[in-house]
Amino acid sequence: MNFYDLTRDHIAAEFSHKEFFFHVIECVEKQLLDWDQNSSVLIMGWGSTYQLLLTYEHKVYEIQIPHWILKNKINRDYYSLDRYLWSELIRCGVAIPEKTPYIKGILNSYKYL
């Protein structure tokens, strides 16, 4: 287990589902900002769904996450939500320009990103 896994394991254990969700969104936003300084993430929540509007390379991407998927991903493993978000971004057309330690941590057991 590497440093990133230990840190994420601790965060997943100590944070509420909502706090962990916002932590993961912050990780995604930081990664996008490393690749494009004009990136941003806007989170809107209503009813039983969160809507994410992500701006990257002058394009806006929308991801909707029902609360039940959020809870399922958080309870599965501590990178499952990240993998879900990145796979949705890739499905929307976002290209991964470089595999940083964060991205490698997500890809550890998944080869499709």
Protein backbone atom coordinates (compact mmCIF):
# COMPACT_ATOMS: atom_id res chain seq x y z
CA MET A 1 0.00 0.00 0.00
CA ASN A 2 1.48 3.35 -0.95
CA PHE A 3 1.19 6.77 0.71
CA TYR A 4 -1.82 7.81 -1.39
CA ASP A 5 -3.70 4.66 -0.40
CA LEU A 6 -2.97 5.20 3.30
CA THR A 7 -4.10 8.81 3.15
CA ARG A 8 -7.26 7.99 1.20
CA ASP A 9 -8.06 5.09 3.52
CA HIS A 10 -7.84 7.41 6.54
CA ILE A 11 -9.95 10.10 4.85
CA ALA A 12 -12.61 7.56 3.82
CA ALA A 13 -12.80 6.25 7.39
CA GLU A 14 -12.96 9.64 9.10
CA PHE A 15 -15.15 11.71 6.76
CA SER A 16 -18.91 11.59 6.36
CA HIS A 17 -20.20 10.59 2.91
CA LYS A 18 -20.80 14.24 2.06
CA GLU A 19 -17.33 15.33 3.26
CA PHE A 20 -15.70 12.49 1.32
CA PHE A 21 -17.66 13.43 -1.82
CA PHE A 22 -16.42 17.02 -1.58
CA HIS A 23 -12.86 15.78 -0.97
CA VAL A 24 -12.99 13.67 -4.15
CA ILE A 25 -14.41 16.61 -6.13
CA GLU A 26 -11.54 18.74 -4.81
CA CYS A 27 -9.03 16.08 -6.01
CA VAL A 28 -10.63 16.04 -9.47
CA GLU A 29 -10.60 19.84 -9.63
CA LYS A 30 -6.94 20.04 -8.55
CA GLN A 31 -6.00 17.54 -11.24
CA LEU A 32 -7.90 19.45 -13.91
CA LEU A 33 -6.25 22.69 -12.75
CA ASP A 34 -2.81 21.06 -13.08
CA TRP A 35 -3.61 20.42 -16.73
CA ASP A 36 -5.55 23.62 -17.44
CA GLN A 37 -5.42 26.65 -15.13
CA ASN A 38 -8.85 27.79 -16.34
CA SER A 39 -10.60 24.63 -15.15
CA SER A 40 -13.38 24.77 -12.59
CA VAL A 41 -15.95 22.56 -10.91
CA LEU A 42 -19.41 23.71 -9.84
CA ILE A 43 -21.51 21.42 -7.65
CA MET A 44 -25.26 21.75 -7.49
CA GLY A 45 -27.45 19.46 -5.48
CA TRP A 46 -31.16 19.08 -5.28
CA GLY A 47 -33.49 16.27 -4.46
CA SER A 48 -31.74 12.96 -4.88
CA THR A 49 -29.08 14.04 -7.41
CA TYR A 50 -25.87 16.07 -7.51
CA GLN A 51 -25.03 17.83 -10.74
CA LEU A 52 -21.40 18.64 -11.52
CA LEU A 53 -20.49 21.21 -14.14
CA LEU A 54 -16.81 20.92 -14.99
CA THR A 55 -15.02 23.40 -17.22
CA TYR A 56 -11.87 22.05 -18.85
CA GLU A 57 -10.06 23.25 -21.97
CA HIS A 58 -12.82 25.80 -22.66
CA LYS A 59 -15.56 23.14 -22.70
CA VAL A 60 -18.25 22.45 -20.11
CA TYR A 61 -18.97 18.87 -19.08
CA GLU A 62 -21.99 17.82 -17.03
CA ILE A 63 -22.14 14.78 -14.78
CA GLN A 64 -25.21 13.87 -12.76
CA ILE A 65 -24.73 11.63 -9.74
CA PRO A 66 -27.76 10.19 -7.98
CA HIS A 67 -27.22 9.93 -4.22
CA TRP A 68 -27.60 6.13 -4.31
CA ILE A 69 -24.69 5.85 -6.78
CA LEU A 70 -22.64 8.19 -4.61
CA LYS A 71 -23.22 6.05 -1.50
CA ASN A 72 -22.57 2.85 -3.44
CA LYS A 73 -19.26 4.14 -4.81
CA ILE A 74 -18.09 5.51 -1.46
CA ASN A 75 -18.89 2.23 0.29
CA ARG A 76 -17.21 0.08 -2.40
CA ASP A 77 -13.60 1.27 -2.06
CA TYR A 78 -11.85 4.57 -1.49
CA TYR A 79 -11.09 5.23 -5.18
CA SER A 80 -14.37 3.97 -6.63
CA LEU A 81 -15.98 7.42 -6.75
CA ASP A 82 -12.90 8.90 -8.44
CA ARG A 83 -12.95 6.12 -11.06
CA TYR A 84 -16.63 6.75 -11.66
CA LEU A 85 -16.13 10.50 -12.14
CA TRP A 86 -13.09 10.10 -14.41
CA SER A 87 -14.78 7.41 -16.48
CA GLU A 88 -17.78 9.76 -16.92
CA LEU A 89 -15.45 12.61 -17.94
CA ILE A 90 -13.70 10.35 -20.45
CA ARG A 91 -17.08 9.20 -21.77
CA CYS A 92 -17.94 12.90 -22.28
CA GLY A 93 -14.73 13.43 -24.28
CA VAL A 94 -12.08 14.53 -21.77
CA ALA A 95 -8.62 13.19 -22.69
CA ILE A 96 -6.11 12.31 -19.95
CA PRO A 97 -2.92 14.13 -21.04
CA GLU A 98 -0.62 12.65 -18.40
CA LYS A 99 -0.79 9.96 -15.73
CA THR A 100 0.01 11.78 -12.50
CA PRO A 101 0.35 9.96 -9.14
CA TYR A 102 -3.32 10.71 -8.46
CA ILE A 103 -4.44 9.28 -11.81
CA LYS A 104 -2.10 6.28 -11.36
CA GLY A 105 -3.71 5.63 -7.96
CA ILE A 106 -7.12 5.49 -9.61
CA LEU A 107 -5.80 3.33 -12.44
CA ASN A 108 -4.06 0.91 -10.12
CA SER A 109 -6.50 -1.89 -10.89
CA TYR A 110 -8.34 -0.38 -13.87
CA LYS A 111 -6.79 -0.12 -17.33
CA TYR A 112 -9.56 1.71 -19.18
CA LEU A 113 -8.59 5.27 -18.20
